[in-house]
């Protein structure tokens, strides 16, 4: 069947047309768009699912035969149901216990189903969310040099295959350990897709303005992927846990098939591309500032995604679909910001200014989360955060490619490996520390801390204005590397 389809496409000369140089750049952009979409869709789709699902697992684990009272949540109303009660008929919900220490462990909560298990769930959610970025953080330093050696297309193809496996594993996971494993496997595939994807875009689009526009479009896929949270919450509540993951597995399979179909084996790079070493790039203060901006902006998103759902369950009695619906705002606002500022920041060489303003706004919006009282407040603040982080990402990512062009020997996979490491640090540190910090000082103080750090770092982006060309010792290094090749 596959061979016959391929013969039909060849007969129509569609593949030949798509592989022409003028169309190939568009296909590269489309495939990178799909890669970022699937990876971030899977990244965010678990955010509203994990708290409720791990909570139900935790409750089931504490339920033992003979217990006089065991609690769980009604899957449609999120109201407490008392199961296996020996004091009431099965078709009737008995009254809740009068013990105030059982009903409310959190004085700020009006929700009768909240109790100590939510703190444990918060820590587990953080560990699962952090595992993907932690693995990706380990893999990235190897992915960049690998792309320099063999090109971008084999790592991207491998990334799609790994993502299909991880998504399927998510669908059939029924324990905390399996969820942790699935998330970790996703980190390997995400490393291949993000580093190779950003590298191949920078390689295909040499002009600064054109590169900024292309990366802005690719970030549209990232922004649409962040809509995985509302998608996941709706599917989880009305269809079931497996449904969203199986849909994503099919999308990843189709995207990987398109990539394999368009890019022939002959396009694989066989000669290693010479570029500035990773450690040399890490010593460049301008690249460090750019990576720091990406890291701290990502830290805002990662912390909010980890802590906010449980906070809403405790203080706002949020249902399953509401846990994801509030993240629709930051997805849409990120989409708008990335499409506007990816082009504008490069056209007017104002990436430094956009990043500074974006980090300041993100910091102020994050601090305000501690004062939110209802879902509408959270929705507005999420929109502000999404827009601000979209401004930072779409301004800094093209700027990192420009810094390599200006100050180093261009080999884009290495510098975008650094950018992806920065993102991974944000997505690993944020979820990992959120649970313990919330348990010790509370959600409002955590948000104030993260927001303040972003505001303090924002002025450093001003140093990215008109960075000087490479230093004399880098010129010598470049000549040596060109001479040895």
Protein backbone atom coordinates (compact mmCIF):
# COMPACT_ATOMS: atom_id res chain seq x y z
CA UNK A 1 0.00 0.00 0.00
CA UNK A 2 2.80 2.42 0.94
CA UNK A 3 4.68 1.64 -2.27
CA UNK A 4 1.62 2.22 -4.40
CA UNK A 5 0.95 5.58 -2.75
CA UNK A 6 4.56 6.59 -3.32
CA UNK A 7 4.35 5.55 -6.99
CA UNK A 8 1.21 7.63 -7.46
CA UNK A 9 2.86 10.68 -5.89
CA UNK A 10 5.96 10.19 -8.05
CA UNK A 11 3.78 9.84 -11.14
CA UNK A 12 2.18 13.17 -10.38
CA UNK A 13 5.63 14.71 -9.88
CA UNK A 14 4.46 16.05 -6.54
CA UNK A 15 7.55 14.89 -4.71
CA UNK A 16 9.82 16.37 -7.38
CA UNK A 17 8.03 19.68 -7.10
CA UNK A 18 8.22 19.69 -3.31
CA UNK A 19 11.96 18.95 -3.41
CA UNK A 20 12.71 21.95 -5.60
CA UNK A 21 14.84 24.56 -3.83
CA UNK A 22 12.09 27.16 -3.77
CA UNK A 23 9.60 24.74 -2.21
CA UNK A 24 12.08 22.92 0.02
CA UNK A 25 12.47 25.90 2.36
CA UNK A 26 8.72 26.01 2.83
CA UNK A 27 8.60 22.28 3.50
CA UNK A 28 11.39 22.62 6.07
CA UNK A 29 9.38 25.35 7.79
CA UNK A 30 6.21 23.22 7.68
CA UNK A 31 7.94 20.17 9.17
CA UNK A 32 9.62 22.20 11.92
CA UNK A 33 6.20 23.74 12.62
CA UNK A 34 4.72 20.24 13.02
CA UNK A 35 7.66 19.07 15.14
CA UNK A 36 7.28 21.94 17.62
CA UNK A 37 3.50 21.53 17.59
CA UNK A 38 3.52 17.82 18.48
CA UNK A 39 6.31 18.11 21.07
CA UNK A 40 4.69 21.02 22.92
CA UNK A 41 1.20 19.58 22.53
CA UNK A 42 2.39 16.49 24.40
CA UNK A 43 4.30 18.75 26.80
CA UNK A 44 1.16 20.64 27.81
CA UNK A 45 -1.61 18.07 27.35
CA UNK A 46 -0.55 16.30 30.55
CA UNK A 47 -0.69 19.47 32.67
CA UNK A 48 -4.42 19.33 33.53
CA UNK A 49 -4.55 15.51 33.44
CA UNK A 50 -1.78 14.73 35.92
CA UNK A 51 -3.21 16.36 39.10
CA UNK A 52 -6.61 14.67 38.85
CA UNK A 53 -5.23 11.36 37.59
CA UNK A 54 -2.45 11.12 40.19
CA UNK A 55 -4.93 12.21 42.86
CA UNK A 56 -7.26 9.34 41.92
CA UNK A 57 -4.31 6.91 41.95
CA UNK A 58 -3.28 8.17 45.37
CA UNK A 59 -6.81 7.84 46.70
CA UNK A 60 -7.15 4.33 45.27
CA UNK A 61 -3.87 3.33 46.94
CA UNK A 62 -5.13 4.45 50.35
CA UNK A 63 -8.44 2.64 49.92
CA UNK A 64 -8.42 -0.71 51.69
CA UNK A 65 -11.21 -3.28 52.19
CA UNK A 66 -12.95 -2.76 55.50
CA UNK A 67 -12.30 0.96 55.76
CA UNK A 68 -15.39 2.65 57.08
CA UNK A 69 -14.91 5.73 54.90
CA UNK A 70 -13.00 6.22 51.66
CA UNK A 71 -13.20 9.32 49.51
CA UNK A 72 -12.78 10.00 45.84
CA UNK A 73 -14.02 12.64 43.40
CA UNK A 74 -17.02 12.42 41.16
CA UNK A 75 -15.44 12.42 37.64
CA UNK A 76 -18.02 14.80 36.24
CA UNK A 77 -18.76 17.19 39.10
CA UNK A 78 -15.58 16.97 41.19
CA UNK A 79 -17.81 16.67 44.28
CA UNK A 80 -16.79 14.24 46.98
CA UNK A 81 -18.22 10.74 46.86
CA UNK A 82 -17.86 8.28 49.70
CA UNK A 83 -17.07 4.80 48.45
CA UNK A 84 -17.08 1.45 50.21
CA UNK A 85 -18.93 2.90 53.18
CA UNK A 86 -20.24 0.44 55.71
CA UNK A 87 -22.61 3.07 57.13
CA UNK A 88 -24.74 3.98 54.11
CA UNK A 89 -26.45 2.29 51.16
CA UNK A 90 -24.58 2.35 47.85
CA UNK A 91 -27.12 4.56 46.12
CA UNK A 92 -26.82 7.32 48.64
CA UNK A 93 -23.99 9.67 49.63
CA UNK A 94 -23.66 9.86 53.40
CA UNK A 95 -22.79 13.14 55.12
CA UNK A 96 -19.20 14.27 55.30
CA UNK A 97 -17.34 13.83 58.57
CA UNK A 98 -17.63 16.68 61.03
CA UNK A 99 -13.93 16.59 61.90
CA UNK A 100 -12.55 19.95 60.64
CA UNK A 101 -9.03 18.59 60.38
CA UNK A 102 -10.24 16.07 57.82
CA UNK A 103 -12.40 18.45 55.82
CA UNK A 104 -9.91 21.27 55.44
CA UNK A 105 -6.15 20.98 55.59
CA UNK A 106 -5.87 24.37 53.88
CA UNK A 107 -7.53 27.34 55.63
CA UNK A 108 -7.70 29.33 52.38
CA UNK A 109 -9.82 26.66 50.69
CA UNK A 110 -13.60 26.44 50.52
CA UNK A 111 -13.49 23.09 48.71
CA UNK A 112 -14.57 20.19 50.89
CA UNK A 113 -12.59 17.59 48.96
CA UNK A 114 -9.15 19.09 49.51
CA UNK A 115 -6.88 17.38 51.97
CA UNK A 116 -3.27 16.37 52.53
CA UNK A 117 -3.03 14.20 49.40
CA UNK A 118 -2.87 17.34 47.23
CA UNK A 119 0.57 18.27 48.61
CA UNK A 120 1.83 14.80 47.73
CA UNK A 121 0.22 15.09 44.28
CA UNK A 122 1.88 18.48 43.75
CA UNK A 123 5.32 16.94 44.28
CA UNK A 124 4.58 13.99 41.97
CA UNK A 125 3.25 16.32 39.26
CA UNK A 126 6.46 18.33 39.51
CA UNK A 127 8.64 15.23 39.18
CA UNK A 128 6.79 13.98 36.09
CA UNK A 129 6.83 17.38 34.40
CA UNK A 130 10.51 17.94 35.23
CA UNK A 131 11.67 14.52 33.99
CA UNK A 132 11.24 15.39 30.29
CA UNK A 133 13.37 18.50 30.48
CA UNK A 134 15.95 16.85 32.71
CA UNK A 135 16.52 14.06 30.16
CA UNK A 136 16.50 16.61 27.35
CA UNK A 137 19.07 18.65 29.26
CA UNK A 138 21.38 15.61 29.35
CA UNK A 139 20.85 14.70 25.69
CA UNK A 140 21.15 18.19 24.14
CA UNK A 141 24.97 18.57 24.40
CA UNK A 142 25.29 15.42 22.29
CA UNK A 143 22.51 16.29 19.83
CA UNK A 144 24.14 19.53 18.64
CA UNK A 145 27.49 17.98 17.60
CA UNK A 146 25.62 14.99 16.15
CA UNK A 147 23.65 17.32 13.87
CA UNK A 148 26.92 18.98 12.81
CA UNK A 149 28.27 15.57 11.86
CA UNK A 150 25.33 13.84 10.13
CA UNK A 151 22.98 16.71 9.34
CA UNK A 152 19.54 17.56 10.65
CA UNK A 153 17.20 15.10 8.94
CA UNK A 154 18.15 11.80 10.60
CA UNK A 155 17.83 13.28 14.14
CA UNK A 156 14.45 14.77 13.20
CA UNK A 157 13.21 11.45 11.83
CA UNK A 158 14.40 9.70 15.00
CA UNK A 159 12.70 12.38 17.09
CA UNK A 160 9.32 11.76 15.45
CA UNK A 161 9.65 7.98 15.99
CA UNK A 162 10.55 8.41 19.66
CA UNK A 163 7.66 10.83 20.13
CA UNK A 164 5.18 8.30 18.72
CA UNK A 165 6.47 5.72 21.20
CA UNK A 166 6.33 8.15 24.15
CA UNK A 167 2.79 9.27 23.31
CA UNK A 168 1.57 5.68 23.05
CA UNK A 169 3.24 4.87 26.37
CA UNK A 170 1.44 7.84 27.96
CA UNK A 171 -1.89 6.53 26.69
CA UNK A 172 -1.47 3.13 28.34
CA UNK A 173 0.32 4.25 31.53
CA UNK A 174 -1.61 3.45 34.69
CA UNK A 175 0.93 4.27 37.40
CA UNK A 176 3.22 7.09 38.47
CA UNK A 177 6.34 5.15 37.39
CA UNK A 178 5.05 4.55 33.85
CA UNK A 179 4.03 8.20 33.50
CA UNK A 180 7.52 9.20 34.63
CA UNK A 181 9.07 6.83 32.08
CA UNK A 182 6.88 8.10 29.24
CA UNK A 183 7.75 11.71 30.06
CA UNK A 184 11.47 10.84 30.16
CA UNK A 185 11.31 9.11 26.76
CA UNK A 186 9.64 12.24 25.38
CA UNK A 187 12.72 14.20 26.46
CA UNK A 188 14.93 12.20 24.09
CA UNK A 189 12.61 12.82 21.13
CA UNK A 190 12.12 16.47 22.06
CA UNK A 191 15.88 17.02 22.06
CA UNK A 192 16.20 15.66 18.53
CA UNK A 193 13.28 17.69 17.19
CA UNK A 194 14.02 21.04 18.82
CA UNK A 195 17.79 21.21 18.23
CA UNK A 196 17.63 19.85 14.69
CA UNK A 197 14.51 21.90 13.89
CA UNK A 198 15.93 25.26 14.96
CA UNK A 199 19.27 24.43 13.32
CA UNK A 200 17.79 23.51 9.95
CA UNK A 201 15.67 26.70 9.97
CA UNK A 202 18.69 28.90 10.67
CA UNK A 203 20.60 27.05 7.94
CA UNK A 204 17.80 27.47 5.36
CA UNK A 205 17.02 31.13 6.12
CA UNK A 206 20.25 33.14 6.06
CA UNK A 207 18.80 36.66 5.93
CA UNK A 208 18.14 38.05 9.42
CA UNK A 209 14.69 39.43 8.64
CA UNK A 210 13.66 36.30 6.73
CA UNK A 211 15.00 34.12 9.55
CA UNK A 212 13.02 36.07 12.14
CA UNK A 213 9.84 35.68 10.11
CA UNK A 214 10.44 31.93 9.65
CA UNK A 215 11.08 31.37 13.34
CA UNK A 216 8.01 33.40 14.21
CA UNK A 217 5.94 31.09 12.02
CA UNK A 218 7.56 28.01 13.56
CA UNK A 219 6.70 29.35 17.02
CA UNK A 220 3.09 29.39 15.86
CA UNK A 221 3.33 25.59 16.03
CA UNK A 222 4.74 25.90 19.54
CA UNK A 223 1.91 28.23 20.55
CA UNK A 224 -0.74 25.95 19.07
CA UNK A 225 0.93 23.07 20.90
CA UNK A 226 0.42 24.90 24.19
CA UNK A 227 -3.32 24.52 23.54
CA UNK A 228 -2.78 20.92 24.56
CA UNK A 229 -3.82 21.88 28.11
CA UNK A 230 -7.46 22.79 27.28
CA UNK A 231 -7.58 19.98 24.71
CA UNK A 232 -6.32 17.47 27.27
CA UNK A 233 -8.69 18.60 30.02
CA UNK A 234 -11.75 18.38 27.79
CA UNK A 235 -10.79 14.98 26.38
CA UNK A 236 -9.90 13.68 29.83
CA UNK A 237 -13.22 14.68 31.39
CA UNK A 238 -15.56 13.70 28.55
CA UNK A 239 -13.72 10.90 26.67
CA UNK A 240 -11.00 9.48 28.91
CA UNK A 241 -7.28 9.60 29.59
CA UNK A 242 -6.16 7.58 26.56
CA UNK A 243 -7.97 9.65 23.92
CA UNK A 244 -5.75 12.79 23.75
CA UNK A 245 -2.54 10.75 23.66
CA UNK A 246 -3.74 8.45 20.89
CA UNK A 247 -4.73 11.50 18.80
CA UNK A 248 -1.24 12.96 19.28
CA UNK A 249 0.39 9.65 18.39
CA UNK A 250 -1.40 9.67 15.04
CA UNK A 251 -0.37 13.29 14.36
CA UNK A 252 3.27 12.53 15.22
CA UNK A 253 3.20 9.48 12.95
CA UNK A 254 1.83 11.50 10.02
CA UNK A 255 4.37 14.31 10.56
CA UNK A 256 7.26 11.84 10.70
CA UNK A 257 5.98 10.12 7.54
CA UNK A 258 5.83 13.46 5.71
CA UNK A 259 9.40 14.23 6.76
CA UNK A 260 10.67 10.84 5.58
CA UNK A 261 8.80 11.25 2.30
CA UNK A 262 10.11 14.71 1.46
CA UNK A 263 13.74 14.39 2.50
CA UNK A 264 15.58 11.67 0.62
CA UNK A 265 18.52 9.71 1.98
CA UNK A 266 20.79 11.55 -0.45
CA UNK A 267 20.08 14.76 1.45
CA UNK A 268 21.86 13.42 4.54
CA UNK A 269 25.05 15.27 5.32
CA UNK A 270 28.18 13.13 5.27
CA UNK A 271 30.91 15.70 5.95
CA UNK A 272 31.14 17.14 9.43
CA UNK A 273 30.42 20.85 9.57
CA UNK A 274 33.09 22.89 11.34
CA UNK A 275 31.82 25.34 13.89
CA UNK A 276 32.73 27.13 17.09
CA UNK A 277 33.05 24.64 19.97
CA UNK A 278 30.28 24.45 22.54
CA UNK A 279 32.46 25.65 25.42
CA UNK A 280 33.59 28.70 23.41
CA UNK A 281 29.97 29.67 22.81
CA UNK A 282 29.21 29.23 26.51
CA UNK A 283 31.98 31.72 27.33
CA UNK A 284 30.37 34.39 25.15
CA UNK A 285 28.54 36.74 27.58
CA UNK A 286 26.00 37.80 24.94
CA UNK A 287 24.95 34.21 24.28
CA UNK A 288 24.78 33.60 28.05
CA UNK A 289 22.48 36.61 28.53
CA UNK A 290 20.24 35.48 25.66
CA UNK A 291 20.08 31.94 27.05
CA UNK A 292 19.35 33.29 30.52
CA UNK A 293 16.40 35.30 29.21
CA UNK A 294 14.95 32.20 27.53
CA UNK A 295 15.53 30.13 30.68
CA UNK A 296 13.82 32.53 33.09
CA UNK A 297 10.88 33.17 30.75
CA UNK A 298 10.43 29.41 30.45
CA UNK A 299 10.68 29.09 34.24
CA UNK A 300 7.58 31.27 34.55
CA UNK A 301 5.54 28.98 32.28
CA UNK A 302 6.89 25.80 33.90
CA UNK A 303 6.15 26.97 37.44
CA UNK A 304 2.63 28.12 36.59
CA UNK A 305 1.82 24.88 34.74
CA UNK A 306 2.93 22.85 37.75
CA UNK A 307 1.48 24.82 40.65
CA UNK A 308 -1.62 26.48 39.22
CA UNK A 309 -3.90 23.42 38.67
CA UNK A 310 -3.49 22.22 42.26
CA UNK A 311 -3.91 25.79 43.55
CA UNK A 312 -7.16 26.05 41.59
CA UNK A 313 -8.37 22.72 42.99
CA UNK A 314 -7.64 23.92 46.52
CA UNK A 315 -8.99 27.49 46.38
CA UNK A 316 -11.43 27.68 43.44
CA UNK A 317 -13.01 24.19 43.40
CA UNK A 318 -12.02 23.95 39.72
CA UNK A 319 -13.35 21.06 37.64
CA UNK A 320 -11.17 19.00 35.31
CA UNK A 321 -11.99 20.96 32.16
CA UNK A 322 -11.35 24.27 33.92
CA UNK A 323 -7.84 23.15 34.93
CA UNK A 324 -6.89 23.14 31.25
CA UNK A 325 -9.22 25.81 29.90
CA UNK A 326 -7.38 28.60 31.71
CA UNK A 327 -4.24 27.77 29.71
CA UNK A 328 -6.06 28.54 26.46
CA UNK A 329 -5.42 32.23 27.14
CA UNK A 330 -1.63 31.94 27.23
CA UNK A 331 -1.63 29.76 24.10
CA UNK A 332 -3.58 32.32 22.07
CA UNK A 333 -1.60 35.29 23.38
CA UNK A 334 1.71 33.46 22.78
CA UNK A 335 0.55 32.76 19.23
CA UNK A 336 -0.19 36.46 18.61
CA UNK A 337 3.06 37.69 20.18
CA UNK A 338 5.34 35.21 18.39
CA UNK A 339 3.90 36.05 14.97
CA UNK A 340 4.20 39.79 15.50
CA UNK A 341 7.49 40.18 17.32
CA UNK A 342 9.43 37.46 15.50
CA UNK A 343 9.27 39.67 12.42
CA UNK A 344 9.25 43.12 14.07
CA UNK A 345 12.20 42.50 16.39
CA UNK A 346 14.45 41.47 13.48
CA UNK A 347 13.19 44.08 11.04
CA UNK A 348 14.00 46.93 13.42
CA UNK A 349 16.92 45.17 15.21
CA UNK A 350 15.05 45.54 18.48
CA UNK A 351 15.25 42.01 19.85
CA UNK A 352 17.08 43.28 22.92
CA UNK A 353 14.34 45.81 23.71
CA UNK A 354 11.48 43.35 23.10
CA UNK A 355 13.13 40.79 25.39
CA UNK A 356 13.63 43.37 28.15
CA UNK A 357 10.01 44.55 28.02
CA UNK A 358 8.70 40.98 27.72
CA UNK A 359 10.58 39.76 30.80
CA UNK A 360 9.43 42.75 32.85
CA UNK A 361 5.78 42.19 31.92
CA UNK A 362 6.07 38.45 32.58
CA UNK A 363 7.51 39.16 36.02
CA UNK A 364 4.74 41.57 37.00
CA UNK A 365 1.99 39.25 35.75
CA UNK A 366 3.52 36.31 37.64
CA UNK A 367 3.54 38.25 40.91
CA UNK A 368 -0.16 39.06 40.43
CA UNK A 369 -1.06 35.33 40.38
CA UNK A 370 -0.78 35.27 44.16
CA UNK A 371 -3.67 37.75 44.38
CA UNK A 372 -6.02 35.88 42.00
CA UNK A 373 -9.39 34.99 43.54
CA UNK A 374 -11.27 33.28 40.72
CA UNK A 375 -10.84 31.62 37.34
CA UNK A 376 -11.40 34.88 35.46
CA UNK A 377 -8.42 36.48 37.18
CA UNK A 378 -6.30 33.44 36.30
CA UNK A 379 -7.45 33.59 32.67
CA UNK A 380 -6.40 37.23 32.27
CA UNK A 381 -3.05 36.71 33.99
CA UNK A 382 -2.32 33.65 31.84
CA UNK A 383 -2.97 35.77 28.75
CA UNK A 384 -0.47 38.38 29.98
CA UNK A 385 2.16 35.74 30.74
CA UNK A 386 1.70 33.99 27.39
CA UNK A 387 2.04 37.24 25.46
CA UNK A 388 5.14 38.29 27.41
CA UNK A 389 6.92 34.95 27.04
CA UNK A 390 5.99 34.88 23.34
CA UNK A 391 7.69 38.27 22.92
CA UNK A 392 10.84 37.01 24.65
CA UNK A 393 11.08 33.71 22.74
CA UNK A 394 10.37 35.10 19.28
CA UNK A 395 12.88 37.94 19.83
CA UNK A 396 15.74 35.98 21.38
CA UNK A 397 15.73 32.83 19.22
CA UNK A 398 16.59 34.61 15.92
CA UNK A 399 19.00 36.84 17.85
CA UNK A 400 21.02 33.80 18.94
CA UNK A 401 21.50 32.82 15.31
CA UNK A 402 22.55 36.40 14.55
CA UNK A 403 25.09 36.33 17.40
CA UNK A 404 26.71 33.23 15.93
CA UNK A 405 26.85 34.88 12.49
CA UNK A 406 28.37 38.02 13.99
CA UNK A 407 30.83 36.66 16.53
CA UNK A 408 31.57 33.01 15.71
CA UNK A 409 31.89 30.38 13.00
CA UNK A 410 28.29 29.61 12.02
CA UNK A 411 27.16 26.13 13.10
CA UNK A 412 23.63 26.70 14.24
CA UNK A 413 22.85 23.35 15.83
CA UNK A 414 25.33 24.07 18.64
CA UNK A 415 23.93 27.47 19.60
CA UNK A 416 20.36 26.16 19.43
CA UNK A 417 21.41 23.24 21.59
CA UNK A 418 22.39 25.91 24.14
CA UNK A 419 19.01 27.60 23.69
CA UNK A 420 17.23 24.29 24.18
CA UNK A 421 19.34 23.57 27.27
CA UNK A 422 18.15 26.93 28.66
CA UNK A 423 14.54 25.94 28.00
CA UNK A 424 15.13 22.54 29.61
CA UNK A 425 16.63 24.10 32.73
CA UNK A 426 13.50 26.19 33.10
CA UNK A 427 11.19 23.23 32.54
CA UNK A 428 13.16 20.96 34.89
CA UNK A 429 13.98 23.33 37.76
CA UNK A 430 10.51 24.90 37.82
CA UNK A 431 8.44 21.73 38.30
CA UNK A 432 11.07 20.10 40.54
CA UNK A 433 11.13 22.90 43.12
CA UNK A 434 7.50 23.99 42.88
CA UNK A 435 6.03 21.27 45.11
CA UNK A 436 8.44 21.70 48.06
CA UNK A 437 8.35 25.51 47.85
CA UNK A 438 4.55 25.65 47.74
CA UNK A 439 4.40 23.26 50.71
CA UNK A 440 6.79 25.46 52.73
CA UNK A 441 5.97 29.09 51.85
CA UNK A 442 2.79 28.87 49.74
CA UNK A 443 1.75 29.54 46.15
CA UNK A 444 1.61 33.39 46.34
CA UNK A 445 5.17 33.67 47.64
CA UNK A 446 6.43 31.26 44.97
CA UNK A 447 4.87 33.43 42.25
CA UNK A 448 6.35 36.56 43.83
CA UNK A 449 9.80 34.97 43.88
CA UNK A 450 9.73 33.84 40.23
CA UNK A 451 8.32 37.17 39.05
CA UNK A 452 10.92 39.20 40.93
CA UNK A 453 13.79 37.18 39.45
CA UNK A 454 12.51 37.94 35.92
CA UNK A 455 12.17 41.66 36.64
CA UNK A 456 15.71 41.82 38.05
CA UNK A 457 17.19 39.98 35.05
CA UNK A 458 15.31 42.01 32.40
CA UNK A 459 17.76 45.00 32.24
CA UNK A 460 20.60 42.64 31.28
CA UNK A 461 18.90 42.24 27.88
CA UNK A 462 19.92 45.84 27.12
CA UNK A 463 23.49 44.59 26.70
CA UNK A 464 22.30 42.70 23.61
CA UNK A 465 21.91 46.02 21.79
CA UNK A 466 24.42 46.23 18.94
CA UNK A 467 26.86 43.54 20.20
CA UNK A 468 30.43 43.95 18.89
CA UNK A 469 31.88 41.67 16.27
CA UNK A 470 34.06 38.78 17.36
CA UNK A 471 37.26 39.45 19.30
CA UNK A 472 40.73 39.05 17.86
CA UNK A 473 41.32 35.64 19.48
CA UNK A 474 38.08 34.39 17.91
CA UNK A 475 39.26 35.59 14.52
CA UNK A 476 42.47 33.60 15.01
CA UNK A 477 40.44 30.56 16.05
CA UNK A 478 38.31 30.90 12.95
CA UNK A 479 41.41 31.06 10.71
CA UNK A 480 42.90 28.00 12.41
CA UNK A 481 39.72 26.00 11.96
CA UNK A 482 39.41 27.03 8.31
CA UNK A 483 43.06 26.19 7.73
CA UNK A 484 42.75 22.74 9.32
CA UNK A 485 39.71 21.95 7.19
